[in-house]
Amino acid sequence: MAKMKVDGIVEAVHYNSDGNIQWVRAYLRRGQTFSDIVLLDRQTLAEKLKSGKRFVAGKRVLLQASTFEVSQPIRLIQQERQDILTTGDAASNKDHLAGVPVI
């Protein structure tokens, strides 16, 4: 099976009091490997998705360098003139990354 080409992997998420993402803990692709952990605020993640970058939910495999267990792609959808970050089909007006641990 061919590997899925992704530009970033979101490992954890932090929501603010209104239920939207405040920041995520992620790894960014750097050529054939991935960066150390970086924190991306909601606006930066949304801009990367709008520019065509592909992010997925996942976690790093212990002691396996740039090997990850990935699950669902993260999508940016427009709902009632508002951007929503989700891992599935959102029927909500808030961000929701299913399967991503909350910090």
N, C-alpha and C. Protein backbone atom coordinates (compact mmCIF):
# COMPACT_ATOMS: atom_id res chain seq x y z
N MET A 1 0.84 -1.18 0.00
CA MET A 1 0.00 0.00 0.00
C MET A 1 0.89 1.24 0.00
N ALA A 2 0.56 2.23 -0.79
CA ALA A 2 1.34 3.47 -0.88
C ALA A 2 1.14 4.31 0.37
N LYS A 3 2.23 4.97 0.77
CA LYS A 3 2.13 5.85 1.93
C LYS A 3 1.37 7.11 1.55
N MET A 4 0.59 7.61 2.49
CA MET A 4 -0.13 8.85 2.28
C MET A 4 0.82 10.01 2.51
N LYS A 5 0.92 10.92 1.55
CA LYS A 5 1.79 12.09 1.69
C LYS A 5 1.06 13.15 2.51
N VAL A 6 1.63 13.50 3.66
CA VAL A 6 1.03 14.52 4.51
C VAL A 6 2.07 15.59 4.82
N ASP A 7 1.60 16.77 5.13
CA ASP A 7 2.48 17.88 5.46
C ASP A 7 2.58 18.09 6.96
N GLY A 8 1.69 17.46 7.73
CA GLY A 8 1.75 17.59 9.17
C GLY A 8 0.87 16.57 9.86
N ILE A 9 1.25 16.25 11.10
CA ILE A 9 0.50 15.30 11.91
C ILE A 9 0.18 15.97 13.23
N VAL A 10 -1.11 16.03 13.56
CA VAL A 10 -1.56 16.64 14.81
C VAL A 10 -1.65 15.55 15.86
N GLU A 11 -0.91 15.75 16.96
CA GLU A 11 -0.82 14.75 18.02
C GLU A 11 -1.74 15.06 19.20
N ALA A 12 -1.99 16.34 19.48
CA ALA A 12 -2.83 16.73 20.60
C ALA A 12 -3.45 18.08 20.32
N VAL A 13 -4.54 18.37 21.01
CA VAL A 13 -5.27 19.62 20.78
C VAL A 13 -5.65 20.24 22.11
N HIS A 14 -5.73 21.57 22.12
CA HIS A 14 -6.20 22.31 23.29
C HIS A 14 -7.32 23.23 22.83
N TYR A 15 -8.49 23.08 23.44
CA TYR A 15 -9.64 23.89 23.09
C TYR A 15 -9.77 25.05 24.07
N ASN A 16 -10.27 26.20 23.60
CA ASN A 16 -10.54 27.31 24.51
C ASN A 16 -11.95 27.17 25.07
N SER A 17 -12.36 28.11 25.88
CA SER A 17 -13.63 28.00 26.60
C SER A 17 -14.86 28.00 25.68
N ASP A 18 -14.75 28.56 24.48
CA ASP A 18 -15.90 28.57 23.58
C ASP A 18 -15.97 27.31 22.70
N GLY A 19 -15.07 26.37 22.89
CA GLY A 19 -15.12 25.09 22.19
C GLY A 19 -14.32 25.01 20.91
N ASN A 20 -13.66 26.09 20.52
CA ASN A 20 -12.83 26.06 19.33
C ASN A 20 -11.37 25.80 19.71
N ILE A 21 -10.61 25.38 18.73
CA ILE A 21 -9.21 25.06 18.97
C ILE A 21 -8.44 26.32 19.34
N GLN A 22 -7.63 26.22 20.40
CA GLN A 22 -6.74 27.32 20.74
C GLN A 22 -5.37 27.07 20.11
N TRP A 23 -4.85 25.84 20.27
CA TRP A 23 -3.61 25.44 19.63
C TRP A 23 -3.56 23.93 19.52
N VAL A 24 -2.68 23.45 18.64
CA VAL A 24 -2.45 22.01 18.48
C VAL A 24 -0.96 21.73 18.62
N ARG A 25 -0.65 20.52 19.06
CA ARG A 25 0.73 20.05 19.09
C ARG A 25 0.90 19.16 17.87
N ALA A 26 1.88 19.50 17.02
CA ALA A 26 1.99 18.82 15.73
C ALA A 26 3.44 18.58 15.35
N TYR A 27 3.60 17.75 14.32
CA TYR A 27 4.89 17.51 13.67
C TYR A 27 4.73 17.97 12.23
N LEU A 28 5.70 18.71 11.71
CA LEU A 28 5.64 19.21 10.34
C LEU A 28 6.65 18.47 9.47
N ARG A 29 6.27 18.19 8.24
CA ARG A 29 7.16 17.50 7.30
C ARG A 29 8.33 18.40 6.95
N ARG A 30 9.53 17.83 7.02
CA ARG A 30 10.77 18.50 6.62
C ARG A 30 11.49 17.58 5.66
N GLY A 31 11.11 17.62 4.39
CA GLY A 31 11.71 16.72 3.40
C GLY A 31 11.23 15.29 3.62
N GLN A 32 12.16 14.38 3.86
CA GLN A 32 11.82 12.98 4.08
C GLN A 32 11.52 12.65 5.53
N THR A 33 11.68 13.62 6.42
CA THR A 33 11.48 13.38 7.84
C THR A 33 10.51 14.41 8.40
N PHE A 34 10.32 14.40 9.71
CA PHE A 34 9.42 15.34 10.37
C PHE A 34 10.16 16.13 11.44
N SER A 35 9.63 17.29 11.75
CA SER A 35 10.21 18.18 12.75
C SER A 35 10.00 17.62 14.16
N ASP A 36 10.61 18.29 15.12
CA ASP A 36 10.25 18.05 16.51
C ASP A 36 8.85 18.61 16.72
N ILE A 37 8.33 18.47 17.91
CA ILE A 37 7.00 18.98 18.21
C ILE A 37 6.96 20.49 18.04
N VAL A 38 5.91 20.98 17.37
CA VAL A 38 5.68 22.42 17.25
C VAL A 38 4.25 22.71 17.71
N LEU A 39 4.03 23.91 18.21
CA LEU A 39 2.69 24.35 18.58
C LEU A 39 2.18 25.28 17.49
N LEU A 40 1.00 24.99 16.99
CA LEU A 40 0.37 25.82 15.97
C LEU A 40 -0.94 26.36 16.52
N ASP A 41 -1.12 27.67 16.44
CA ASP A 41 -2.40 28.21 16.87
C ASP A 41 -3.45 27.92 15.79
N ARG A 42 -4.70 28.15 16.12
CA ARG A 42 -5.80 27.82 15.23
C ARG A 42 -5.67 28.53 13.88
N GLN A 43 -5.33 29.80 13.91
CA GLN A 43 -5.23 30.58 12.68
C GLN A 43 -4.14 30.03 11.76
N THR A 44 -2.99 29.68 12.31
CA THR A 44 -1.89 29.14 11.51
C THR A 44 -2.28 27.81 10.88
N LEU A 45 -2.91 26.94 11.67
CA LEU A 45 -3.35 25.64 11.13
C LEU A 45 -4.38 25.85 10.02
N ALA A 46 -5.32 26.75 10.23
CA ALA A 46 -6.34 27.03 9.21
C ALA A 46 -5.71 27.57 7.93
N GLU A 47 -4.74 28.47 8.06
CA GLU A 47 -4.06 29.03 6.89
C GLU A 47 -3.32 27.95 6.11
N LYS A 48 -2.66 27.04 6.83
CA LYS A 48 -1.94 25.95 6.16
C LYS A 48 -2.92 25.05 5.40
N LEU A 49 -4.06 24.75 6.00
CA LEU A 49 -5.06 23.93 5.32
C LEU A 49 -5.64 24.66 4.11
N LYS A 50 -5.88 25.96 4.21
CA LYS A 50 -6.40 26.74 3.08
C LYS A 50 -5.41 26.77 1.92
N SER A 51 -4.11 26.74 2.24
CA SER A 51 -3.10 26.80 1.19
C SER A 51 -2.85 25.44 0.53
N GLY A 52 -3.60 24.41 0.96
CA GLY A 52 -3.49 23.11 0.32
C GLY A 52 -2.64 22.09 1.06
N LYS A 53 -2.11 22.45 2.23
CA LYS A 53 -1.33 21.49 3.01
C LYS A 53 -2.29 20.44 3.58
N ARG A 54 -1.78 19.21 3.72
CA ARG A 54 -2.59 18.12 4.25
C ARG A 54 -2.10 17.74 5.65
N PHE A 55 -3.02 17.76 6.61
CA PHE A 55 -2.74 17.37 7.99
C PHE A 55 -3.63 16.20 8.36
N VAL A 56 -3.10 15.31 9.20
CA VAL A 56 -3.87 14.18 9.70
C VAL A 56 -3.71 14.10 11.21
N ALA A 57 -4.64 13.43 11.85
CA ALA A 57 -4.54 13.13 13.28
C ALA A 57 -3.68 11.89 13.41
N GLY A 58 -2.82 11.86 14.42
CA GLY A 58 -1.98 10.68 14.60
C GLY A 58 -1.08 10.81 15.80
N LYS A 59 -0.23 9.81 15.96
CA LYS A 59 0.74 9.84 17.06
C LYS A 59 2.02 9.16 16.61
N ARG A 60 3.11 9.61 17.18
CA ARG A 60 4.43 9.09 16.84
C ARG A 60 4.62 7.70 17.48
N VAL A 61 5.19 6.78 16.74
CA VAL A 61 5.49 5.44 17.26
C VAL A 61 6.77 5.55 18.09
N LEU A 62 6.71 5.09 19.31
CA LEU A 62 7.82 5.19 20.25
C LEU A 62 9.08 4.53 19.67
N LEU A 63 10.19 5.25 19.72
CA LEU A 63 11.51 4.80 19.27
C LEU A 63 11.57 4.44 17.78
N GLN A 64 10.72 5.03 16.97
CA GLN A 64 10.69 4.74 15.54
C GLN A 64 10.90 5.98 14.68
N ALA A 65 11.61 6.97 15.19
CA ALA A 65 11.95 8.19 14.45
C ALA A 65 10.73 8.83 13.80
N SER A 66 10.68 8.89 12.48
CA SER A 66 9.58 9.56 11.78
C SER A 66 8.49 8.58 11.34
N THR A 67 8.15 7.64 12.22
CA THR A 67 7.09 6.69 11.95
C THR A 67 5.89 7.06 12.80
N PHE A 68 4.72 7.15 12.17
CA PHE A 68 3.52 7.58 12.86
C PHE A 68 2.37 6.62 12.61
N GLU A 69 1.48 6.53 13.58
CA GLU A 69 0.19 5.86 13.40
C GLU A 69 -0.79 6.98 13.10
N VAL A 70 -1.33 7.00 11.91
CA VAL A 70 -2.24 8.09 11.53
C VAL A 70 -3.66 7.57 11.46
N SER A 71 -4.60 8.47 11.70
CA SER A 71 -6.01 8.07 11.63
C SER A 71 -6.71 8.89 10.55
N GLN A 72 -7.40 9.94 10.92
CA GLN A 72 -8.24 10.66 9.99
C GLN A 72 -7.61 11.95 9.50
N PRO A 73 -7.93 12.37 8.28
CA PRO A 73 -7.45 13.66 7.81
C PRO A 73 -8.18 14.81 8.51
N ILE A 74 -7.49 15.91 8.69
CA ILE A 74 -8.10 17.10 9.28
C ILE A 74 -8.56 17.99 8.14
N ARG A 75 -9.81 18.42 8.24
CA ARG A 75 -10.41 19.22 7.17
C ARG A 75 -10.83 20.58 7.69
N LEU A 76 -10.83 21.53 6.79
CA LEU A 76 -11.33 22.87 7.08
C LEU A 76 -12.59 23.06 6.25
N ILE A 77 -13.72 23.22 6.93
CA ILE A 77 -14.97 23.40 6.20
C ILE A 77 -15.59 24.75 6.56
N GLN A 78 -16.39 25.26 5.66
CA GLN A 78 -17.09 26.52 5.88
C GLN A 78 -18.53 26.19 6.23
N GLN A 79 -18.98 26.75 7.34
CA GLN A 79 -20.35 26.54 7.77
C GLN A 79 -20.88 27.86 8.29
N GLU A 80 -21.88 28.39 7.63
CA GLU A 80 -22.47 29.68 8.01
C GLU A 80 -21.40 30.77 8.10
N ARG A 81 -20.56 30.86 7.05
CA ARG A 81 -19.48 31.85 6.95
C ARG A 81 -18.48 31.77 8.11
N GLN A 82 -18.29 30.58 8.65
CA GLN A 82 -17.34 30.36 9.72
C GLN A 82 -16.50 29.14 9.37
N ASP A 83 -15.18 29.21 9.61
CA ASP A 83 -14.30 28.08 9.37
C ASP A 83 -14.38 27.11 10.55
N ILE A 84 -14.55 25.83 10.24
CA ILE A 84 -14.61 24.79 11.25
C ILE A 84 -13.51 23.77 10.94
N LEU A 85 -12.70 23.44 11.95
CA LEU A 85 -11.67 22.41 11.81
C LEU A 85 -12.24 21.11 12.38
N THR A 86 -12.18 20.05 11.56
CA THR A 86 -12.80 18.80 11.97
C THR A 86 -12.07 17.60 11.36
N THR A 87 -12.31 16.43 11.93
CA THR A 87 -11.77 15.20 11.36
C THR A 87 -12.86 14.39 10.68
N GLY A 88 -14.06 14.89 10.67
CA GLY A 88 -15.16 14.17 10.03
C GLY A 88 -16.13 15.15 9.42
N ASP A 89 -17.32 14.70 9.19
CA ASP A 89 -18.36 15.60 8.69
C ASP A 89 -18.97 16.31 9.89
N ALA A 90 -18.74 17.59 9.98
CA ALA A 90 -19.19 18.35 11.14
C ALA A 90 -20.62 18.83 10.96
N ALA A 91 -21.44 18.56 11.95
CA ALA A 91 -22.78 19.11 11.99
C ALA A 91 -22.83 20.14 13.10
N SER A 92 -21.68 20.47 13.61
CA SER A 92 -21.56 21.39 14.73
C SER A 92 -21.02 22.73 14.25
N ASN A 93 -21.13 23.73 15.10
CA ASN A 93 -20.56 25.03 14.78
C ASN A 93 -19.27 25.26 15.54
N LYS A 94 -18.68 24.17 16.08
CA LYS A 94 -17.42 24.24 16.82
C LYS A 94 -16.42 23.27 16.22
N ASP A 95 -15.16 23.54 16.48
CA ASP A 95 -14.09 22.64 16.04
C ASP A 95 -14.20 21.32 16.80
N HIS A 96 -13.85 20.22 16.12
CA HIS A 96 -13.81 18.93 16.80
C HIS A 96 -12.87 17.99 16.07
N LEU A 97 -11.79 17.63 16.74
CA LEU A 97 -10.82 16.67 16.18
C LEU A 97 -11.02 15.35 16.91
N ALA A 98 -11.87 14.49 16.37
CA ALA A 98 -12.18 13.20 16.98
C ALA A 98 -10.92 12.33 17.01
N GLY A 99 -10.70 11.69 18.13
CA GLY A 99 -9.58 10.78 18.26
C GLY A 99 -8.26 11.44 18.60
N VAL A 100 -8.24 12.76 18.71
CA VAL A 100 -7.02 13.49 19.07
C VAL A 100 -7.09 13.80 20.55
N PRO A 101 -6.09 13.39 21.34
CA PRO A 101 -6.12 13.67 22.78
C PRO A 101 -6.20 15.16 23.08
N VAL A 102 -6.98 15.49 24.11
CA VAL A 102 -7.14 16.88 24.52
C VAL A 102 -6.17 17.16 25.66
N ILE A 103 -5.48 18.31 25.54
CA ILE A 103 -4.56 18.73 26.59
C ILE A 103 -5.18 19.90 27.31
